[in-house]
PDB file of N, CA and C in Angstrom:
ATOM      1  N   MET A   1     130.926 167.424  94.303  1.00  0.00           N
ATOM      2  CA  MET A   1     132.092 166.296  92.939  1.00  0.00           C
ATOM      3  C   MET A   1     131.233 164.838  92.804  1.00  0.00           C
ATOM      4  N   ILE A   2     131.103 163.623  91.853  1.00  0.00           N
ATOM      5  CA  ILE A   2     130.680 162.932  92.249  1.00  0.00           C
ATOM      6  C   ILE A   2     131.321 162.208  91.632  1.00  0.00           C
ATOM      7  N   HIS A   3     131.336 160.899  92.851  1.00  0.00           N
ATOM      8  CA  HIS A   3     131.896 159.626  92.248  1.00  0.00           C
ATOM      9  C   HIS A   3     131.673 158.314  91.776  1.00  0.00           C
ATOM     10  N   MET A   4     131.977 158.028  90.972  1.00  0.00           N
ATOM     11  CA  MET A   4     130.848 156.360  90.296  1.00  0.00           C
ATOM     12  C   MET A   4     132.065 155.747  90.924  1.00  0.00           C
ATOM     13  N   ASN A   5     131.277 154.253  91.532  1.00  0.00           N
ATOM     14  CA  ASN A   5     131.939 153.086  91.797  1.00  0.00           C
ATOM     15  C   ASN A   5     131.033 151.846  90.513  1.00  0.00           C
ATOM     16  N   ASN A   6     131.680 151.429  89.942  1.00  0.00           N
ATOM     17  CA  ASN A   6     130.828 150.294  89.037  1.00  0.00           C
ATOM     18  C   ASN A   6     131.191 149.203  89.674  1.00  0.00           C
ATOM     19  N   SER A   7     130.542 147.940  89.995  1.00  0.00           N
ATOM     20  CA  SER A   7     130.490 146.765  90.160  1.00  0.00           C
ATOM     21  C   SER A   7     129.923 145.699  89.720  1.00  0.00           C
ATOM     22  N   PHE A   8     130.641 145.209  88.785  1.00  0.00           N
ATOM     23  CA  PHE A   8     129.977 144.015  87.725  1.00  0.00           C
ATOM     24  C   PHE A   8     131.400 142.524  88.947  1.00  0.00           C
ATOM     25  N   GLY A   9     130.126 141.600  88.660  1.00  0.00           N
ATOM     26  CA  GLY A   9     130.576 140.463  88.920  1.00  0.00           C
ATOM     27  C   GLY A   9     129.459 139.846  89.178  1.00  0.00           C
ATOM     28  N   SER A  10     129.435 138.118  89.567  1.00  0.00           N
ATOM     29  CA  SER A  10     128.859 137.270  89.976  1.00  0.00           C
ATOM     30  C   SER A  10     127.904 137.447  90.930  1.00  0.00           C
ATOM     31  N   GLY A  11     126.844 137.284  91.129  1.00  0.00           N
ATOM     32  CA  GLY A  11     126.459 136.700  92.574  1.00  0.00           C
ATOM     33  C   GLY A  11     125.030 137.039  92.637  1.00  0.00           C
ATOM     34  N   PHE A  12     124.168 137.067  93.753  1.00  0.00           N
ATOM     35  CA  PHE A  12     122.843 137.408  93.709  1.00  0.00           C
ATOM     36  C   PHE A  12     123.065 138.437  95.061  1.00  0.00           C
ATOM     37  N   ASP A  13     124.448 139.228  95.207  1.00  0.00           N
ATOM     38  CA  ASP A  13     124.492 140.006  96.406  1.00  0.00           C
ATOM     39  C   ASP A  13     123.479 141.256  95.764  1.00  0.00           C
ATOM     40  N   LEU A  14     123.427 142.375  96.438  1.00  0.00           N
ATOM     41  CA  LEU A  14     122.840 143.577  94.829  1.00  0.00           C
ATOM     42  C   LEU A  14     124.236 144.219  94.823  1.00  0.00           C
ATOM     43  N   GLU A  15     125.360 144.627  95.387  1.00  0.00           N
ATOM     44  CA  GLU A  15     126.268 144.892  95.589  1.00  0.00           C
ATOM     45  C   GLU A  15     126.836 144.346  93.997  1.00  0.00           C
ATOM     46  N   TYR A  16     126.947 143.527  93.453  1.00  0.00           N
ATOM     47  CA  TYR A  16     127.615 142.540  92.779  1.00  0.00           C
ATOM     48  C   TYR A  16     125.988 141.955  91.534  1.00  0.00           C
ATOM     49  N   ALA A  17     124.529 142.955  91.987  1.00  0.00           N
ATOM     50  CA  ALA A  17     124.639 142.754  90.629  1.00  0.00           C
ATOM     51  C   ALA A  17     125.530 143.601  89.314  1.00  0.00           C
ATOM     52  N   PRO A  18     124.566 142.721  87.588  1.00  0.00           N
ATOM     53  CA  PRO A  18     125.871 143.047  86.939  1.00  0.00           C
ATOM     54  C   PRO A  18     125.386 144.373  86.062  1.00  0.00           C
ATOM     55  N   THR A  19     124.193 144.947  86.688  1.00  0.00           N
ATOM     56  CA  THR A  19     123.882 145.990  86.168  1.00  0.00           C
ATOM     57  C   THR A  19     123.248 147.742  86.935  1.00  0.00           C
ATOM     58  N   SER A  20     124.525 147.618  87.888  1.00  0.00           N
ATOM     59  CA  SER A  20     124.705 148.812  88.981  1.00  0.00           C
ATOM     60  C   SER A  20     126.336 149.038  89.161  1.00  0.00           C
ATOM     61  N   PHE A  21     125.351 150.154  89.792  1.00  0.00           N
ATOM     62  CA  PHE A  21     125.990 151.594  90.234  1.00  0.00           C
ATOM     63  C   PHE A  21     126.225 152.161  91.119  1.00  0.00           C
ATOM     64  N   LEU A  22     127.466 152.887  91.445  1.00  0.00           N
ATOM     65  CA  LEU A  22     126.541 153.047  93.575  1.00  0.00           C
ATOM     66  C   LEU A  22     127.733 155.516  92.576  1.00  0.00           C
ATOM     67  N   MET A  23     126.831 155.339  93.270  1.00  0.00           N
ATOM     68  CA  MET A  23     127.679 157.259  93.117  1.00  0.00           C
ATOM     69  C   MET A  23     127.093 157.393  94.292  1.00  0.00           C
ATOM     70  N   ARG A  24     128.481 159.036  94.945  1.00  0.00           N
ATOM     71  CA  ARG A  24     128.189 159.584  96.033  1.00  0.00           C
ATOM     72  C   ARG A  24     128.549 160.998  95.803  1.00  0.00           C
ATOM     73  N   PHE A  25     126.805 161.674  96.472  1.00  0.00           N
ATOM     74  CA  PHE A  25     127.779 163.055  96.284  1.00  0.00           C
ATOM     75  C   PHE A  25     128.196 163.697  98.161  1.00  0.00           C
ATOM     76  N   GLY A  26     128.543 164.206  97.778  1.00  0.00           N
ATOM     77  CA  GLY A  26     129.379 164.441  99.349  1.00  0.00           C
ATOM     78  C   GLY A  26     129.511 163.170 100.270  1.00  0.00           C
ATOM     79  N   LYS A  27     127.927 163.941 101.146  1.00  0.00           N
ATOM     80  CA  LYS A  27     127.980 162.477 102.520  1.00  0.00           C
ATOM     81  C   LYS A  27     127.092 162.080 102.001  1.00  0.00           C
ATOM     82  N   ARG A  28     126.013 161.484 100.918  1.00  0.00           N
ATOM     83  CA  ARG A  28     125.310 160.584 100.258  1.00  0.00           C
ATOM     84  C   ARG A  28     126.177 159.768  99.464  1.00  0.00           C
ATOM     85  N   GLU A  29     124.901 158.249  99.269  1.00  0.00           N
ATOM     86  CA  GLU A  29     125.025 158.049  98.009  1.00  0.00           C
ATOM     87  C   GLU A  29     123.768 157.088  97.976  1.00  0.00           C
ATOM     88  N   MET A  30     124.134 157.089  96.448  1.00  0.00           N
ATOM     89  CA  MET A  30     122.810 156.762  95.483  1.00  0.00           C
ATOM     90  C   MET A  30     122.960 155.301  94.506  1.00  0.00           C
ATOM     91  N   PHE A  31     122.385 153.754  94.745  1.00  0.00           N
ATOM     92  CA  PHE A  31     122.787 152.922  94.613  1.00  0.00           C
ATOM     93  C   PHE A  31     121.628 152.504  93.493  1.00  0.00           C
ATOM     94  N   VAL A  32     121.963 152.221  92.639  1.00  0.00           N
ATOM     95  CA  VAL A  32     121.459 151.860  91.164  1.00  0.00           C
ATOM     96  C   VAL A  32     121.393 150.516  90.936  1.00  0.00           C
ATOM     97  N   CYS A  33     120.749 149.246  90.763  1.00  0.00           N
ATOM     98  CA  CYS A  33     120.773 148.179  90.482  1.00  0.00           C
ATOM     99  C   CYS A  33     119.214 148.177  89.681  1.00  0.00           C
ATOM    100  N   ARG A  34     119.189 147.193  88.928  1.00  0.00           N
ATOM    101  CA  ARG A  34     118.570 145.541  88.667  1.00  0.00           C
ATOM    102  C   ARG A  34     117.589 145.248  89.566  1.00  0.00           C
ATOM    103  N   ASP A  35     116.133 145.493  90.111  1.00  0.00           N
ATOM    104  CA  ASP A  35     115.530 144.266  90.418  1.00  0.00           C
ATOM    105  C   ASP A  35     115.274 142.301  90.783  1.00  0.00           C
ATOM    106  N   PHE A  36     115.683 142.135  91.323  1.00  0.00           N
ATOM    107  CA  PHE A  36     115.854 140.799  91.289  1.00  0.00           C
ATOM    108  C   PHE A  36     114.615 139.994  92.352  1.00  0.00           C
ATOM    109  N   ARG A  37     114.465 140.890  93.548  1.00  0.00           N
ATOM    110  CA  ARG A  37     113.660 140.495  94.486  1.00  0.00           C
ATOM    111  C   ARG A  37     112.145 140.117  94.053  1.00  0.00           C
ATOM    112  N   LYS A  38     111.464 138.827  95.370  1.00  0.00           N
ATOM    113  CA  LYS A  38     109.797 138.207  95.113  1.00  0.00           C
ATOM    114  C   LYS A  38     108.868 139.748  95.475  1.00  0.00           C
ATOM    115  N   ARG A  39     108.407 139.984  95.255  1.00  0.00           N
ATOM    116  CA  ARG A  39     107.034 141.820  95.352  1.00  0.00           C
ATOM    117  C   ARG A  39     106.274 140.541  96.374  1.00  0.00           C
ATOM    118  N   TYR A  40     106.206 140.602  97.568  1.00  0.00           N
ATOM    119  CA  TYR A  40     104.532 139.853  98.006  1.00  0.00           C
ATOM    120  C   TYR A  40     103.450 140.624  98.408  1.00  0.00           C
ATOM    121  N   TYR A  41     103.419 142.139  97.475  1.00  0.00           N
ATOM    122  CA  TYR A  41     102.483 143.305  98.238  1.00  0.00           C
ATOM    123  C   TYR A  41     102.194 143.721  96.056  1.00  0.00           C
ATOM    124  N   LYS A  42     101.454 143.769  96.302  1.00  0.00           N
ATOM    125  CA  LYS A  42     101.393 145.250  94.756  1.00  0.00           C
ATOM    126  C   LYS A  42     101.392 146.604  94.729  1.00  0.00           C
ATOM    127  N   VAL A  43     102.742 146.370  93.581  1.00  0.00           N
ATOM    128  CA  VAL A  43     103.608 147.747  93.299  1.00  0.00           C
ATOM    129  C   VAL A  43     103.418 148.406  91.888  1.00  0.00           C
ATOM    130  N   ASN A  44     103.270 149.882  92.624  1.00  0.00           N
ATOM    131  CA  ASN A  44     103.058 150.094  91.912  1.00  0.00           C
ATOM    132  C   ASN A  44     103.705 150.692  90.637  1.00  0.00           C
ATOM    133  N   ARG A  45     103.361 150.334  89.554  1.00  0.00           N
ATOM    134  CA  ARG A  45     103.553 150.813  88.330  1.00  0.00           C
ATOM    135  C   ARG A  45     104.548 151.730  87.463  1.00  0.00           C
ATOM    136  N   LEU A  46     104.883 152.888  88.718  1.00  0.00           N
ATOM    137  CA  LEU A  46     105.687 154.274  87.987  1.00  0.00           C
ATOM    138  C   LEU A  46     107.331 153.857  89.485  1.00  0.00           C
ATOM    139  N   ILE A  47     106.506 154.244  90.536  1.00  0.00           N
ATOM    140  CA  ILE A  47     107.609 153.540  91.282  1.00  0.00           C
ATOM    141  C   ILE A  47     106.450 153.264  92.758  1.00  0.00           C
ATOM    142  N   ASP A  48     107.480 153.503  94.033  1.00  0.00           N
ATOM    143  CA  ASP A  48     107.062 151.963  94.962  1.00  0.00           C
ATOM    144  C   ASP A  48     107.910 153.182  95.928  1.00  0.00           C
ATOM    145  N   CYS A  49     108.388 153.472  96.728  1.00  0.00           N
ATOM    146  CA  CYS A  49     108.277 153.181  97.892  1.00  0.00           C
ATOM    147  C   CYS A  49     108.708 153.560  99.261  1.00  0.00           C
ATOM    148  N   SER A  50     109.214 152.205  99.996  1.00  0.00           N
ATOM    149  CA  SER A  50     109.467 152.377 101.345  1.00  0.00           C
ATOM    150  C   SER A  50     110.812 152.378 101.296  1.00  0.00           C
ATOM    151  N   THR A  51     110.767 151.148 103.423  1.00  0.00           N
ATOM    152  CA  THR A  51     112.822 151.749 104.271  1.00  0.00           C
ATOM    153  C   THR A  51     113.161 150.869 103.580  1.00  0.00           C
ATOM    154  N   GLY A  52     114.630 151.598 103.955  1.00  0.00           N
ATOM    155  CA  GLY A  52     115.397 149.341 103.461  1.00  0.00           C
ATOM    156  C   GLY A  52     115.429 149.558 104.313  1.00  0.00           C
ATOM    157  N   ILE A  53     117.303 148.650 103.716  1.00  0.00           N
ATOM    158  CA  ILE A  53     117.258 147.138 104.625  1.00  0.00           C
ATOM    159  C   ILE A  53     118.372 148.124 106.044  1.00  0.00           C
ATOM    160  N   GLU A  54     118.655 148.766 106.201  1.00  0.00           N
ATOM    161  CA  GLU A  54     119.000 149.282 107.400  1.00  0.00           C
ATOM    162  C   GLU A  54     118.553 149.868 107.301  1.00  0.00           C
ATOM    163  N   PRO A  55     118.469 150.999 109.021  1.00  0.00           N
ATOM    164  CA  PRO A  55     118.480 152.106 109.271  1.00  0.00           C
ATOM    165  C   PRO A  55     119.307 153.510 108.344  1.00  0.00           C
ATOM    166  N   GLY A  56     117.864 154.186 108.599  1.00  0.00           N
ATOM    167  CA  GLY A  56     118.164 155.531 107.384  1.00  0.00           C
ATOM    168  C   GLY A  56     118.329 155.565 106.146  1.00  0.00           C
ATOM    169  N   HIS A  57     118.104 154.361 105.539  1.00  0.00           N
ATOM    170  CA  HIS A  57     117.973 153.565 104.095  1.00  0.00           C
ATOM    171  C   HIS A  57     117.116 153.519 102.865  1.00  0.00           C
ATOM    172  N   VAL A  58     116.765 154.020 102.454  1.00  0.00           N
ATOM    173  CA  VAL A  58     115.032 154.652 101.421  1.00  0.00           C
ATOM    174  C   VAL A  58     115.249 153.699 100.431  1.00  0.00           C
ATOM    175  N   GLU A  59     114.115 152.928  99.231  1.00  0.00           N
ATOM    176  CA  GLU A  59     114.282 152.573  98.266  1.00  0.00           C
ATOM    177  C   GLU A  59     113.697 153.344  97.198  1.00  0.00           C
ATOM    178  N   LEU A  60     113.344 153.346  96.213  1.00  0.00           N
ATOM    179  CA  LEU A  60     112.818 153.349  95.541  1.00  0.00           C
ATOM    180  C   LEU A  60     113.077 152.335  94.525  1.00  0.00           C
ATOM    181  N   LEU A  61     111.537 152.396  93.740  1.00  0.00           N
ATOM    182  CA  LEU A  61     111.771 151.019  92.521  1.00  0.00           C
ATOM    183  C   LEU A  61     110.756 151.549  91.718  1.00  0.00           C
ATOM    184  N   LEU A  62     111.692 152.072  90.384  1.00  0.00           N
ATOM    185  CA  LEU A  62     111.132 152.433  88.996  1.00  0.00           C
ATOM    186  C   LEU A  62     110.746 151.690  88.376  1.00  0.00           C
ATOM    187  N   LEU A  63     109.947 152.184  87.209  1.00  0.00           N
ATOM    188  CA  LEU A  63     108.895 150.920  86.299  1.00  0.00           C
ATOM    189  C   LEU A  63     109.021 149.228  86.828  1.00  0.00           C
ATOM    190  N   ARG A  64     109.126 148.684  88.408  1.00  0.00           N
ATOM    191  CA  ARG A  64     109.397 147.563  88.981  1.00  0.00           C
ATOM    192  C   ARG A  64     110.147 147.206  87.848  1.00  0.00           C
ATOM    193  N   ARG A  65     111.380 147.483  88.085  1.00  0.00           N
ATOM    194  CA  ARG A  65     112.219 146.700  87.463  1.00  0.00           C
ATOM    195  C   ARG A  65     113.476 147.800  87.521  1.00  0.00           C
ATOM    196  N   TRP A  66     114.153 149.032  88.497  1.00  0.00           N
ATOM    197  CA  TRP A  66     115.529 149.991  88.649  1.00  0.00           C
ATOM    198  C   TRP A  66     114.869 149.950  90.284  1.00  0.00           C
ATOM    199  N   LEU A  67     115.722 149.096  90.355  1.00  0.00           N
ATOM    200  CA  LEU A  67     115.788 149.848  92.323  1.00  0.00           C
ATOM    201  C   LEU A  67     117.372 151.039  92.863  1.00  0.00           C
ATOM    202  N   VAL A  68     117.187 151.823  93.574  1.00  0.00           N
ATOM    203  CA  VAL A  68     117.438 152.596  93.564  1.00  0.00           C
ATOM    204  C   VAL A  68     117.759 152.662  95.433  1.00  0.00           C
ATOM    205  N   ILE A  69     119.016 153.059  96.156  1.00  0.00           N
ATOM    206  CA  ILE A  69     118.452 153.135  97.019  1.00  0.00           C
ATOM    207  C   ILE A  69     119.365 154.388  97.931  1.00  0.00           C
ATOM    208  N   LEU A  70     118.889 155.046  98.666  1.00  0.00           N
ATOM    209  CA  LEU A  70     119.795 156.423  98.460  1.00  0.00           C
ATOM    210  C   LEU A  70     120.248 156.472 100.520  1.00  0.00           C
ATOM    211  N   SER A  71     121.295 157.018 100.656  1.00  0.00           N
ATOM    212  CA  SER A  71     121.987 156.498 101.886  1.00  0.00           C
ATOM    213  C   SER A  71     122.732 157.087 102.344  1.00  0.00           C
ATOM    214  N   LYS A  72     123.077 157.070 103.087  1.00  0.00           N
ATOM    215  CA  LYS A  72     124.251 158.382 104.133  1.00  0.00           C
ATOM    216  C   LYS A  72     125.525 157.316 103.834  1.00  0.00           C
ATOM    217  N   ALA A  73     126.532 157.609 102.281  1.00  0.00           N
ATOM    218  CA  ALA A  73     127.800 157.605 102.770  1.00  0.00           C
ATOM    219  C   ALA A  73     128.733 157.191 102.993  1.00  0.00           C
ATOM    220  N   ARG A  74     129.187 156.041 103.547  1.00  0.00           N
ATOM    221  CA  ARG A  74     130.252 155.019 103.667  1.00  0.00           C
ATOM    222  C   ARG A  74     131.196 155.673 103.678  1.00  0.00           C
ATOM    223  N   PRO A  75     132.059 154.977 105.354  1.00  0.00           N
ATOM    224  CA  PRO A  75     133.543 155.953 104.722  1.00  0.00           C
ATOM    225  C   PRO A  75     134.406 154.517 104.178  1.00  0.00           C
ATOM    226  N   VAL A  76     135.527 155.310 103.540  1.00  0.00           N
ATOM    227  CA  VAL A  76     135.858 154.786 102.257  1.00  0.00           C
ATOM    228  C   VAL A  76     137.487 154.614 102.305  1.00  0.00           C
ATOM    229  N   GLY A  77     137.476 153.290 102.441  1.00  0.00           N
ATOM    230  CA  GLY A  77     139.641 152.662 103.268  1.00  0.00           C
ATOM    231  C   GLY A  77     139.649 152.027 102.290  1.00  0.00           C
ATOM    232  N   PHE A  78     140.829 151.911 102.650  1.00  0.00           N
ATOM    233  CA  PHE A  78     141.673 150.381 102.154  1.00  0.00           C
ATOM    234  C   PHE A  78     141.433 149.331 103.189  1.00  0.00           C
ATOM    235  N   ARG A  79     141.302 147.959 102.245  1.00  0.00           N
ATOM    236  CA  ARG A  79     140.766 146.837 102.865  1.00  0.00           C
ATOM    237  C   ARG A  79     141.646 145.859 103.320  1.00  0.00           C
TER     238      ARG A  79
END
């Protein structure tokens, strides 16, 4: 079962990018958003893969525009 979470807001954090969404596949998460970071290295045109900011995260940059972050799912709870 897939759980989707849309976050629409204003700000410069990845979570609040205007075209972002989060999908959960059991114990895994896939977060997709537009990439707005300045890359100081040559990026492959089709796909670029790198380690994420946190341990266990993998970042895929698709077509130099879309950032896909694969990670373990965080526990969902009430705040």
